[in-house]
Structures are given as structure tokens and as C-alpha cells.
């Protein structure tokens, strides 16, 4: 049961499409879009459905309102929970892991607070575009806790061990400019430009070959877990696999004919 039974998973996460881009909006602005069971269930439901939707080439994940992307977990769910109950609540599949391994590219549109589980959710996306008003941090240490949504694992891979340790051990909050400097986000734009920039980027990505996007993301994500030598072999194998696709044939023919390719997604 969600902590807030008045809000279903369908209400907690909204979905709309703009061309070949699907926008998932965490819809708890009164709670600064804090993650709870309803949000995680809603995200997983939409992600499962969109994975098989050939009309969607890229996803954008954001939070409702101007104040927050996701301001962390819903702390009210923690009170009175036993270690066993918490372990069960964190059972797989978890939205952080599903997004990191998702077959389609995912862009985080960060318009405000991006803290705790929100920072972990953003870290599991492929690209992160932030408003200049956004604020970032892993404040779990201030509650006598540690990150539990992948922060201790994904953050060091994203920004380096020292910067990750600094955020995790101090619980400090940083601004968007500092997040850009350390590599936590990929672009910072003014608040009024955020949605347009994210949709522009996501639409550009979605215009590419769906099968090539899937293989390229898979190969690049492998760099997080494979030694360089193994990763190069894996990349070579996926590159060769792309030669078996109709999109490779179409892409080469379109290039030689100096025309725009018409992707088949096969």
C-alpha cells in the first residue's frame, strides 16, 4: 500500500508525449515530489509500457511544479519501519535500476531540488539538464542513514570518488553551477528555457535509429562495469551486430544518396 492511499500510482506519475518523446512527471508538488511507493509503482508501470512503444524514442523525467525535481524519499514512510520491512520495500525491481538499464535514452529535466533519492534518480538517467535554480545533494547522513537508491555506487562512477564522498559524507547541498563543474549535470540553462531545451535534446535523440540507440546505450553503460579490454571487445561485438540490422542498410544508403534516412527500428 502506498503511504498516501488517496493518491494512486496513476495520479502520482503523469505521462504525455511530444512527437517521439514521452515526458514522465512525478506529480506530488505539495510534497516536493518526494518518492513514495505510489511514485515508484507509477514510474515502473509507465517504463514497462513505453519500452515496447515504437512511437517513443526517448524519455524525459521531471517533477511537477517549479520548486522540485524530487526532494528525496518520503521520510514519513520510514517511521516505525523495521529493518526487514525496509528491506522488503527495497525489493527489486527498483525504479533506479530499471531506468539505468532502460533500452531507450532517458533525460532528467531538473527544475529545483534534486536531493537524496531524487539525486539518485537523476544519476540513473543518461543525461541531466538542470535549471540554474536547481539544488543537489545526498543528505541521508543528516538522518543517520546513507543513500539507498544507488547513490554510493552510481555517484562515484559519475563524478569521481572524492566528489561523491564529499556529498555523501557531509550531506551538503550544492547549486547547479557546482553540479555542472563536477559533472553531476551535463547542461545548465535558465528556468524559462529548461523544458524547451530538454525537449529539443530528447527530440534530436529520438530522431536517430531506435536499434542503434539501444546498442549505443548498452555499449556505453557497459563502461561502468567492464574493464577497458572487455569493454572494447563488447563494443566491437555490438558494432558488428548493428551490421545485421535494416537500419544500418538504410543509414548507409541514405548517407550515400545524400537524403534523410527513414528508420525501421529493425
Foldseek 3Di string as FASTA:
>chain_A
DKPDVVAALPRQWDWDDDFQEIEIEGEDVVQLSADIPSPFVNLVVVLVVVLPDPRHQEYEYAYPDQAHRYQYHPCVVVPPDDPVNVVVVPDPPTSLVCQLLRLHAYEYQTRHEQEQVSLSSRLSGPAYEYEQHYKYAYQVVVVVGFRDSCLVPSVCVQQNDVVSCVRGVPRDMDTPVVCCVRRSHVYYDHNVCRVVVVVVVSVVSSLAQSLVNSLVSVLVSVVSPDDPVVSVVSNVVSVVVVVVDPQVVQVVVCVVVVHRGDHDND
